[in-house]
Amino acid sequence: MSSASNGHPTLVFIHGSGDDAHIWDALIACLPQYTAIALDLPGHGTRTDEPGPATMTVGDYAASVRNELARRDLNHVCLVGHSLGSAIVLRLAVDAPEVVSRLVLVGAGARLRVLPTLLAEAASDPAAAKAKLVELAYAPTHVADARAMIEQAPPPTPGILYRDLAACDKFDMMAELAQITQPVLILTGEEDRLTPPKYGSFLAEQISSAHLVLIPDAGHYAQIEAPVACAEAISTWLG
């Protein structure tokens, strides 16, 4: 079945490391004119009881998303990915172009290397690692929001944050970006310390169909820190 609704493609949202589908709530609320579906990756959110294997690559996660889209009979969707989710979206754009009509990348990079100390802590103390990750992910001016998110977060599912970050650390599509022909919107927070603006600029330079928008007063969680600005950029781009 085609996923277009009211002339618009269905938006399918893929979250990042250690998060779940609720990471998109604020942005989806700002896009009422679109059919929006936010998925949980294996081991996250509503799927903590089906964690999957102990080790997964970005390609494995992409295959999981592709299976879920097939289960829902969805194709030609606009995939929206954040961080690890953006890597999954890039992978699917190359591996399953018939499924992906457009891409929106939030906090993205062609590579997503992780600090070795953070990766080690994700294995030994995932709650502490998640707290550090969230603090880095928000713009410095939004430190109170970061602390609130940390306090409200459910206990991490054992092994999942490490698996996510390890998948990010091994991700590298620098040599494959030219294969992406679908329209691409890149949203990068101007204060993003995890995937800084130069990452978005590189993607925009390497993907001929890409459009880059810098989001002011936002860090790596641009969709939470500036949902209205992100929604306006998406709506304008979808036209």
Protein backbone atom coordinates (compact mmCIF):
# COMPACT_ATOMS: atom_id res chain seq x y z
CA MET A 1 0.00 0.00 0.00
CA SER A 2 1.17 3.52 -0.71
CA SER A 3 1.78 5.51 2.45
CA ALA A 4 0.74 8.89 1.03
CA SER A 5 -2.08 10.58 2.94
CA ASN A 6 -3.83 13.78 1.83
CA GLY A 7 -1.06 14.26 -0.71
CA HIS A 8 1.58 13.98 2.01
CA PRO A 9 3.88 11.02 2.63
CA THR A 10 3.48 9.20 5.92
CA LEU A 11 6.21 10.26 8.36
CA VAL A 12 7.89 7.36 10.17
CA PHE A 13 10.12 8.39 13.09
CA ILE A 14 13.15 6.40 14.34
CA HIS A 15 14.68 7.32 17.70
CA GLY A 16 18.30 7.30 18.82
CA SER A 17 20.49 5.48 21.35
CA GLY A 18 18.83 4.63 24.65
CA ASP A 19 15.64 6.50 23.73
CA ASP A 20 12.18 5.41 22.57
CA ALA A 21 9.33 6.60 20.37
CA HIS A 22 8.25 9.27 22.89
CA ILE A 23 11.33 11.31 21.97
CA TRP A 24 9.24 12.54 19.01
CA ASP A 25 6.07 13.56 20.88
CA ALA A 26 6.72 17.32 20.86
CA LEU A 27 7.65 17.39 17.16
CA ILE A 28 4.72 15.21 16.07
CA ALA A 29 2.35 17.51 17.99
CA CYS A 30 3.61 20.36 15.79
CA LEU A 31 2.87 18.39 12.58
CA PRO A 32 -0.88 17.65 12.88
CA GLN A 33 -1.40 17.74 9.10
CA TYR A 34 0.69 14.60 8.59
CA THR A 35 0.14 10.93 9.34
CA ALA A 36 2.97 10.21 11.80
CA ILE A 37 4.18 6.88 13.18
CA ALA A 38 6.97 6.68 15.78
CA LEU A 39 8.56 3.25 16.08
CA ASP A 40 10.36 1.65 19.02
CA LEU A 41 13.56 -0.19 18.12
CA PRO A 42 14.08 -3.69 19.58
CA GLY A 43 14.69 -3.49 23.34
CA HIS A 44 13.32 0.07 23.63
CA GLY A 45 10.04 1.53 24.89
CA THR A 46 7.18 -0.87 24.25
CA ARG A 47 9.65 -3.52 23.04
CA THR A 48 11.75 -4.04 26.18
CA ASP A 49 10.41 -7.60 26.34
CA GLU A 50 11.82 -8.34 22.85
CA PRO A 51 15.35 -6.99 23.08
CA GLY A 52 16.83 -9.00 20.24
CA PRO A 53 20.45 -10.21 20.06
CA ALA A 54 23.16 -8.89 22.37
CA THR A 55 24.99 -7.29 19.44
CA MET A 56 23.36 -5.39 16.58
CA THR A 57 24.81 -3.24 13.81
CA VAL A 58 23.10 -0.26 12.21
CA GLY A 59 22.34 -2.64 9.33
CA ASP A 60 20.62 -5.03 11.75
CA TYR A 61 18.52 -2.21 13.17
CA ALA A 62 17.68 -1.10 9.62
CA ALA A 63 16.50 -4.61 8.77
CA SER A 64 14.28 -4.56 11.88
CA VAL A 65 12.70 -1.26 10.78
CA ARG A 66 12.26 -2.57 7.24
CA ASN A 67 10.46 -5.65 8.61
CA GLU A 68 8.17 -3.45 10.71
CA LEU A 69 7.31 -1.27 7.71
CA ALA A 70 6.50 -4.43 5.71
CA ARG A 71 4.35 -5.74 8.57
CA ARG A 72 2.37 -2.47 8.48
CA ASP A 73 2.23 -2.58 4.65
CA LEU A 74 3.99 0.80 4.43
CA ASN A 75 6.18 1.90 1.54
CA HIS A 76 7.37 5.16 -0.01
CA VAL A 77 7.46 6.70 3.47
CA CYS A 78 9.36 9.75 4.65
CA LEU A 79 11.75 8.35 7.26
CA VAL A 80 12.75 10.73 10.06
CA GLY A 81 15.72 9.61 12.16
CA HIS A 82 17.57 11.04 15.15
CA SER A 83 21.21 10.16 15.88
CA LEU A 84 21.35 6.33 15.71
CA GLY A 85 17.96 6.65 14.00
CA SER A 86 19.49 8.90 11.34
CA ALA A 87 22.13 6.24 10.66
CA ILE A 88 19.36 3.66 10.27
CA VAL A 89 17.53 5.97 7.85
CA LEU A 90 20.69 6.50 5.77
CA ARG A 91 21.27 2.75 5.66
CA LEU A 92 17.71 2.09 4.49
CA ALA A 93 17.92 4.80 1.83
CA VAL A 94 20.72 2.80 0.19
CA ASP A 95 19.62 -0.75 1.00
CA ALA A 96 15.85 -0.38 0.48
CA PRO A 97 15.26 2.69 -1.71
CA GLU A 98 11.81 1.43 -2.70
CA VAL A 99 10.68 1.86 0.92
CA VAL A 100 12.07 5.37 1.46
CA SER A 101 10.75 8.26 -0.63
CA ARG A 102 12.33 11.02 1.49
CA LEU A 103 14.68 11.33 4.47
CA VAL A 104 14.81 13.74 7.39
CA LEU A 105 18.02 13.49 9.43
CA VAL A 106 18.22 15.06 12.91
CA GLY A 107 21.57 15.11 14.73
CA ALA A 108 23.16 13.09 11.94
CA GLY A 109 26.59 12.23 10.62
CA ALA A 110 28.18 9.99 8.00
CA ARG A 111 30.13 8.52 10.94
CA LEU A 112 29.03 8.48 14.59
CA ARG A 113 32.11 7.70 16.64
CA VAL A 114 31.54 7.43 20.41
CA LEU A 115 34.00 8.52 23.11
CA PRO A 116 35.73 5.33 24.34
CA THR A 117 35.13 6.33 27.98
CA LEU A 118 31.40 6.75 27.32
CA LEU A 119 31.21 3.42 25.52
CA ALA A 120 32.96 1.69 28.42
CA GLU A 121 30.64 3.33 30.95
CA ALA A 122 27.59 2.28 28.90
CA ALA A 123 28.71 -1.31 29.50
CA SER A 124 29.52 -0.93 33.21
CA ASP A 125 27.00 1.70 34.39
CA PRO A 126 24.38 2.42 31.72
CA ALA A 127 22.35 4.82 33.89
CA ALA A 128 25.40 7.03 34.49
CA ALA A 129 26.37 6.84 30.82
CA LYS A 130 22.85 7.82 29.74
CA ALA A 131 22.91 10.80 32.10
CA LYS A 132 26.22 12.01 30.63
CA LEU A 133 24.92 11.47 27.11
CA VAL A 134 21.77 13.52 27.77
CA GLU A 135 23.76 16.36 29.38
CA LEU A 136 25.99 16.53 26.30
CA ALA A 137 23.03 16.24 23.95
CA TYR A 138 21.21 19.36 25.15
CA ALA A 139 22.44 22.86 24.40
CA PRO A 140 24.19 24.36 27.48
CA THR A 141 21.32 26.84 27.86
CA HIS A 142 18.86 23.94 28.31
CA VAL A 143 20.64 22.21 31.18
CA ALA A 144 17.46 22.24 33.31
CA ASP A 145 15.58 20.35 30.57
CA ALA A 146 18.42 17.84 30.38
CA ARG A 147 18.27 17.18 34.12
CA ALA A 148 14.49 16.79 33.99
CA MET A 149 14.83 14.22 31.20
CA ILE A 150 17.44 12.29 33.20
CA GLU A 151 15.22 12.24 36.31
CA GLN A 152 12.16 11.06 34.38
CA ALA A 153 13.92 8.36 32.36
CA PRO A 154 12.93 4.75 33.10
CA PRO A 155 15.68 2.35 34.20
CA PRO A 156 17.72 1.27 31.15
CA THR A 157 17.17 -2.21 29.76
CA PRO A 158 20.40 -4.16 30.44
CA GLY A 159 22.84 -4.10 27.54
CA ILE A 160 20.73 -1.94 25.23
CA LEU A 161 22.49 1.45 25.56
CA TYR A 162 25.88 -0.20 25.05
CA ARG A 163 24.54 -2.08 22.01
CA ASP A 164 23.18 1.16 20.54
CA LEU A 165 26.37 3.12 21.08
CA ALA A 166 28.55 0.28 19.80
CA ALA A 167 26.46 0.22 16.62
CA CYS A 168 26.96 3.99 16.25
CA ASP A 169 30.69 3.67 16.85
CA LYS A 170 31.09 1.18 13.99
CA PHE A 171 28.79 3.09 11.60
CA ASP A 172 30.51 4.59 8.55
CA MET A 173 28.72 5.54 5.34
CA MET A 174 31.14 8.19 4.11
CA ALA A 175 31.88 6.22 0.93
CA GLU A 176 28.19 5.50 0.18
CA LEU A 177 26.54 8.91 0.48
CA ALA A 178 26.66 9.54 -3.27
CA GLN A 179 24.32 6.56 -3.73
CA ILE A 180 21.48 8.41 -1.99
CA THR A 181 19.17 9.98 -4.56
CA GLN A 182 16.04 10.66 -2.52
CA PRO A 183 15.35 14.21 -1.27
CA VAL A 184 17.08 14.69 2.09
CA LEU A 185 16.47 17.31 4.80
CA ILE A 186 19.24 17.66 7.38
CA LEU A 187 18.34 19.38 10.67
CA THR A 188 21.31 20.25 12.88
CA GLY A 189 21.19 22.16 16.15
CA GLU A 190 23.59 25.08 16.09
CA GLU A 191 24.75 24.06 19.60
CA ASP A 192 25.01 20.32 18.87
CA ARG A 193 28.13 18.97 20.60
CA LEU A 194 27.63 15.31 19.60
CA THR A 195 27.06 15.77 15.86
CA PRO A 196 28.21 19.38 15.36
CA PRO A 197 27.16 21.50 12.37
CA LYS A 198 30.22 20.43 10.37
CA TYR A 199 28.75 16.90 10.31
CA GLY A 200 25.56 18.21 8.72
CA SER A 201 27.54 20.33 6.27
CA PHE A 202 29.52 17.28 5.16
CA LEU A 203 26.31 15.32 4.54
CA ALA A 204 24.86 18.23 2.55
CA GLU A 205 28.01 18.45 0.43
CA GLN A 206 28.11 14.72 -0.33
CA ILE A 207 24.39 14.09 -0.98
CA SER A 208 23.34 15.96 -4.12
CA SER A 209 19.65 16.00 -3.13
CA ALA A 210 20.23 17.32 0.42
CA HIS A 211 19.09 20.54 2.06
CA LEU A 212 20.64 21.64 5.37
CA VAL A 213 18.82 23.72 8.00
CA LEU A 214 20.60 24.88 11.16
CA ILE A 215 18.27 25.11 14.16
CA PRO A 216 19.12 28.02 16.51
CA ASP A 217 19.33 27.55 20.29
CA ALA A 218 19.28 23.75 19.99
CA GLY A 219 21.72 20.94 20.58
CA HIS A 220 21.61 17.28 19.60
CA TYR A 221 17.95 16.95 20.71
CA ALA A 222 16.75 19.63 18.28
CA GLN A 223 13.35 17.95 17.98
CA ILE A 224 12.78 18.41 21.73
CA GLU A 225 14.61 21.72 22.25
CA ALA A 226 13.08 23.47 19.22
CA PRO A 227 10.11 21.41 17.97
CA VAL A 228 8.36 24.37 16.32
CA ALA A 229 11.45 25.34 14.31
CA CYS A 230 11.99 21.70 13.28
CA ALA A 231 8.33 21.32 12.30
CA GLU A 232 8.41 24.49 10.24
CA ALA A 233 11.54 23.29 8.42
CA ILE A 234 9.93 19.91 7.68
CA SER A 235 6.63 21.43 6.52
CA THR A 236 8.37 23.96 4.27
CA TRP A 237 10.61 21.28 2.77
CA LEU A 238 7.74 18.87 2.13
CA GLY A 239 5.95 21.80 0.55
